[in-house]
């Protein structure tokens, strides 16, 4: 698609709104992974859906993302609990000894067992698939 966009609208005869619209409207259904329906479920509060969507796409204002945008200095990108690691979504939600360990407590509270996945996407799928009953899901 990228080659089509560049050759037809940007470089071929110049950019046109009509050309861009034609490319966007003739595509197949936009890419959706298995998390889309889980994140935007009607029983999930909107603020939780937005948080999950941003988390799965690494769009939370972690220190790593703030550094990438030039908002903070490189010396200020370490985890808030001073564990010595760079503060990223993956670190905070999965690998941090303090924050990441909370998932085991949440699983115990919900009465489910599982192995800690290595990435956020797999963790999200595992947690939503193992919850089970609708009462626990809510």
C-alpha atoms as a PDB file:
ATOM      1  CA  UNK A   1       0.000   0.000   0.000  1.00  0.00           C
ATOM      2  CA  UNK A   2       2.820   2.398   0.811  1.00  0.00           C
ATOM      3  CA  UNK A   3       4.213   2.142  -2.703  1.00  0.00           C
ATOM      4  CA  UNK A   4       0.747   2.771  -4.122  1.00  0.00           C
ATOM      5  CA  UNK A   5       0.281   5.864  -1.977  1.00  0.00           C
ATOM      6  CA  UNK A   6       3.674   7.287  -2.907  1.00  0.00           C
ATOM      7  CA  UNK A   7       3.431   6.556  -6.605  1.00  0.00           C
ATOM      8  CA  UNK A   8      -0.210   7.499  -7.161  1.00  0.00           C
ATOM      9  CA  UNK A   9      -0.715  10.503  -4.957  1.00  0.00           C
ATOM     10  CA  UNK A  10       2.556  11.961  -3.803  1.00  0.00           C
ATOM     11  CA  UNK A  11       5.081  11.447  -6.574  1.00  0.00           C
ATOM     12  CA  UNK A  12       3.109  10.487  -9.690  1.00  0.00           C
ATOM     13  CA  UNK A  13       0.998  13.546 -10.406  1.00  0.00           C
ATOM     14  CA  UNK A  14       1.201  15.276  -7.055  1.00  0.00           C
ATOM     15  CA  UNK A  15      -0.805  14.732  -3.922  1.00  0.00           C
ATOM     16  CA  UNK A  16      -4.579  14.914  -4.236  1.00  0.00           C
ATOM     17  CA  UNK A  17      -7.219  14.450  -1.595  1.00  0.00           C
ATOM     18  CA  UNK A  18      -9.230  12.400  -4.082  1.00  0.00           C
ATOM     19  CA  UNK A  19      -6.285  10.039  -4.598  1.00  0.00           C
ATOM     20  CA  UNK A  20      -5.716   9.603  -0.867  1.00  0.00           C
ATOM     21  CA  UNK A  21      -9.448   9.071  -0.288  1.00  0.00           C
ATOM     22  CA  UNK A  22      -9.579   6.473  -3.054  1.00  0.00           C
ATOM     23  CA  UNK A  23      -6.678   4.534  -1.532  1.00  0.00           C
ATOM     24  CA  UNK A  24      -8.165   4.646   1.969  1.00  0.00           C
ATOM     25  CA  UNK A  25     -11.664   3.599   0.885  1.00  0.00           C
ATOM     26  CA  UNK A  26     -10.627   0.769  -1.416  1.00  0.00           C
ATOM     27  CA  UNK A  27      -8.647  -1.101   1.239  1.00  0.00           C
ATOM     28  CA  UNK A  28      -9.906  -4.250   2.865  1.00  0.00           C
ATOM     29  CA  UNK A  29     -11.074  -4.073   6.463  1.00  0.00           C
ATOM     30  CA  UNK A  30      -8.473  -2.343   8.655  1.00  0.00           C
ATOM     31  CA  UNK A  31      -6.093  -4.568  10.593  1.00  0.00           C
ATOM     32  CA  UNK A  32      -7.623  -5.869  13.802  1.00  0.00           C
ATOM     33  CA  UNK A  33      -5.863  -8.188  16.176  1.00  0.00           C
ATOM     34  CA  UNK A  34      -7.504 -10.395  18.778  1.00  0.00           C
ATOM     35  CA  UNK A  35      -7.277  -7.692  21.450  1.00  0.00           C
ATOM     36  CA  UNK A  36      -9.466  -5.159  19.624  1.00  0.00           C
ATOM     37  CA  UNK A  37     -12.811  -6.690  20.609  1.00  0.00           C
ATOM     38  CA  UNK A  38     -11.616  -7.276  24.174  1.00  0.00           C
ATOM     39  CA  UNK A  39     -10.378  -3.707  24.650  1.00  0.00           C
ATOM     40  CA  UNK A  40     -13.452  -2.015  23.176  1.00  0.00           C
ATOM     41  CA  UNK A  41     -16.041  -4.298  24.808  1.00  0.00           C
ATOM     42  CA  UNK A  42     -19.262  -2.558  25.849  1.00  0.00           C
ATOM     43  CA  UNK A  43     -18.965  -3.700  29.473  1.00  0.00           C
ATOM     44  CA  UNK A  44     -15.487  -2.192  29.851  1.00  0.00           C
ATOM     45  CA  UNK A  45     -15.495   1.419  31.081  1.00  0.00           C
ATOM     46  CA  UNK A  46     -14.176   3.838  28.452  1.00  0.00           C
ATOM     47  CA  UNK A  47     -11.239   5.010  30.580  1.00  0.00           C
ATOM     48  CA  UNK A  48     -10.128   1.390  31.053  1.00  0.00           C
ATOM     49  CA  UNK A  49     -10.425   0.738  27.303  1.00  0.00           C
ATOM     50  CA  UNK A  50      -8.334   3.814  26.541  1.00  0.00           C
ATOM     51  CA  UNK A  51      -5.669   2.763  29.043  1.00  0.00           C
ATOM     52  CA  UNK A  52      -5.547  -0.776  27.614  1.00  0.00           C
ATOM     53  CA  UNK A  53      -5.422   0.520  24.038  1.00  0.00           C
ATOM     54  CA  UNK A  54      -2.565   2.900  24.855  1.00  0.00           C
ATOM     55  CA  UNK A  55      -0.734   0.193  26.834  1.00  0.00           C
ATOM     56  CA  UNK A  56      -0.950  -2.376  24.038  1.00  0.00           C
ATOM     57  CA  UNK A  57       0.390   0.181  21.552  1.00  0.00           C
ATOM     58  CA  UNK A  58       3.117   1.519  23.880  1.00  0.00           C
ATOM     59  CA  UNK A  59       1.555   4.988  23.961  1.00  0.00           C
ATOM     60  CA  UNK A  60       1.592   5.575  27.719  1.00  0.00           C
ATOM     61  CA  UNK A  61       3.678   8.493  29.020  1.00  0.00           C
ATOM     62  CA  UNK A  62       6.451   6.318  30.399  1.00  0.00           C
ATOM     63  CA  UNK A  63       9.873   7.845  30.884  1.00  0.00           C
ATOM     64  CA  UNK A  64      11.166   5.965  27.836  1.00  0.00           C
ATOM     65  CA  UNK A  65       8.433   7.499  25.657  1.00  0.00           C
ATOM     66  CA  UNK A  66       8.947  10.948  27.184  1.00  0.00           C
ATOM     67  CA  UNK A  67      12.672  10.695  26.467  1.00  0.00           C
ATOM     68  CA  UNK A  68      11.957   9.641  22.887  1.00  0.00           C
ATOM     69  CA  UNK A  69       9.819  12.778  22.457  1.00  0.00           C
ATOM     70  CA  UNK A  70      12.499  14.995  23.972  1.00  0.00           C
ATOM     71  CA  UNK A  71      10.430  15.926  27.050  1.00  0.00           C
ATOM     72  CA  UNK A  72      12.859  14.618  29.664  1.00  0.00           C
ATOM     73  CA  UNK A  73      16.640  14.309  29.829  1.00  0.00           C
ATOM     74  CA  UNK A  74      18.382  10.934  29.362  1.00  0.00           C
ATOM     75  CA  UNK A  75      19.458  10.988  32.993  1.00  0.00           C
ATOM     76  CA  UNK A  76      15.804  10.933  34.133  1.00  0.00           C
ATOM     77  CA  UNK A  77      14.577   7.806  32.336  1.00  0.00           C
ATOM     78  CA  UNK A  78      14.975   5.229  35.124  1.00  0.00           C
ATOM     79  CA  UNK A  79      12.109   3.417  36.845  1.00  0.00           C
ATOM     80  CA  UNK A  80      10.272   5.276  39.599  1.00  0.00           C
ATOM     81  CA  UNK A  81      11.148   2.625  42.223  1.00  0.00           C
ATOM     82  CA  UNK A  82      14.853   3.080  41.514  1.00  0.00           C
ATOM     83  CA  UNK A  83      15.465  -0.484  40.411  1.00  0.00           C
ATOM     84  CA  UNK A  84      17.978   0.711  37.820  1.00  0.00           C
ATOM     85  CA  UNK A  85      15.995  -0.211  34.707  1.00  0.00           C
ATOM     86  CA  UNK A  86      14.594   2.110  32.052  1.00  0.00           C
ATOM     87  CA  UNK A  87      10.936   2.897  32.725  1.00  0.00           C
ATOM     88  CA  UNK A  88       8.917   1.467  29.833  1.00  0.00           C
ATOM     89  CA  UNK A  89       5.445  -0.048  29.640  1.00  0.00           C
ATOM     90  CA  UNK A  90       6.944  -3.518  29.389  1.00  0.00           C
ATOM     91  CA  UNK A  91       9.122  -2.942  32.430  1.00  0.00           C
ATOM     92  CA  UNK A  92       6.402  -1.361  34.588  1.00  0.00           C
ATOM     93  CA  UNK A  93       3.641  -3.839  33.780  1.00  0.00           C
ATOM     94  CA  UNK A  94       5.640  -7.066  33.431  1.00  0.00           C
ATOM     95  CA  UNK A  95       9.295  -7.041  34.526  1.00  0.00           C
ATOM     96  CA  UNK A  96       9.505  -4.602  37.456  1.00  0.00           C
ATOM     97  CA  UNK A  97      10.055  -6.398  40.771  1.00  0.00           C
ATOM     98  CA  UNK A  98       7.574  -4.068  42.503  1.00  0.00           C
ATOM     99  CA  UNK A  99       4.862  -3.203  39.962  1.00  0.00           C
ATOM    100  CA  UNK A 100       5.094  -6.342  37.838  1.00  0.00           C
ATOM    101  CA  UNK A 101       4.726  -8.523  40.944  1.00  0.00           C
ATOM    102  CA  UNK A 102       1.222  -7.145  41.477  1.00  0.00           C
ATOM    103  CA  UNK A 103      -0.100  -9.451  38.720  1.00  0.00           C
ATOM    104  CA  UNK A 104       0.500 -12.506  40.899  1.00  0.00           C
ATOM    105  CA  UNK A 105      -1.580 -10.903  43.649  1.00  0.00           C
ATOM    106  CA  UNK A 106      -4.340 -10.075  41.157  1.00  0.00           C
ATOM    107  CA  UNK A 107      -4.370 -13.665  39.853  1.00  0.00           C
ATOM    108  CA  UNK A 108      -4.575 -14.985  43.419  1.00  0.00           C
ATOM    109  CA  UNK A 109      -7.427 -12.582  44.186  1.00  0.00           C
ATOM    110  CA  UNK A 110      -9.328 -13.750  41.066  1.00  0.00           C
ATOM    111  CA  UNK A 111      -8.559 -17.400  41.805  1.00  0.00           C
ATOM    112  CA  UNK A 112      -6.713 -18.108  38.569  1.00  0.00           C
ATOM    113  CA  UNK A 113      -3.289 -19.573  37.928  1.00  0.00           C
ATOM    114  CA  UNK A 114      -0.865 -18.858  35.154  1.00  0.00           C
ATOM    115  CA  UNK A 115       2.668 -18.287  34.087  1.00  0.00           C
ATOM    116  CA  UNK A 116       3.862 -14.715  33.648  1.00  0.00           C
ATOM    117  CA  UNK A 117       4.068 -13.963  29.921  1.00  0.00           C
ATOM    118  CA  UNK A 118       7.081 -12.098  28.591  1.00  0.00           C
ATOM    119  CA  UNK A 119       5.207  -9.333  26.728  1.00  0.00           C
ATOM    120  CA  UNK A 120       2.150  -7.167  27.326  1.00  0.00           C
ATOM    121  CA  UNK A 121       0.098  -8.482  24.411  1.00  0.00           C
ATOM    122  CA  UNK A 122       0.409 -12.108  25.569  1.00  0.00           C
ATOM    123  CA  UNK A 123      -0.264 -11.072  29.166  1.00  0.00           C
ATOM    124  CA  UNK A 124      -3.459  -9.286  28.120  1.00  0.00           C
ATOM    125  CA  UNK A 125      -4.709 -12.272  26.101  1.00  0.00           C
ATOM    126  CA  UNK A 126      -3.853 -14.730  28.877  1.00  0.00           C
ATOM    127  CA  UNK A 127      -5.551 -12.684  31.582  1.00  0.00           C
ATOM    128  CA  UNK A 128      -8.746 -12.064  29.609  1.00  0.00           C
ATOM    129  CA  UNK A 129      -9.014 -15.681  28.464  1.00  0.00           C
ATOM    130  CA  UNK A 130      -8.453 -17.236  31.903  1.00  0.00           C
ATOM    131  CA  UNK A 131     -10.851 -15.069  33.869  1.00  0.00           C
ATOM    132  CA  UNK A 132     -13.848 -17.204  32.935  1.00  0.00           C
ATOM    133  CA  UNK A 133     -17.184 -16.186  34.447  1.00  0.00           C
ATOM    134  CA  UNK A 134     -18.871 -12.926  33.556  1.00  0.00           C
ATOM    135  CA  UNK A 135     -18.878 -11.827  37.196  1.00  0.00           C
ATOM    136  CA  UNK A 136     -15.064 -12.104  37.415  1.00  0.00           C
ATOM    137  CA  UNK A 137     -14.743 -10.481  33.999  1.00  0.00           C
ATOM    138  CA  UNK A 138     -16.616  -7.389  35.172  1.00  0.00           C
END
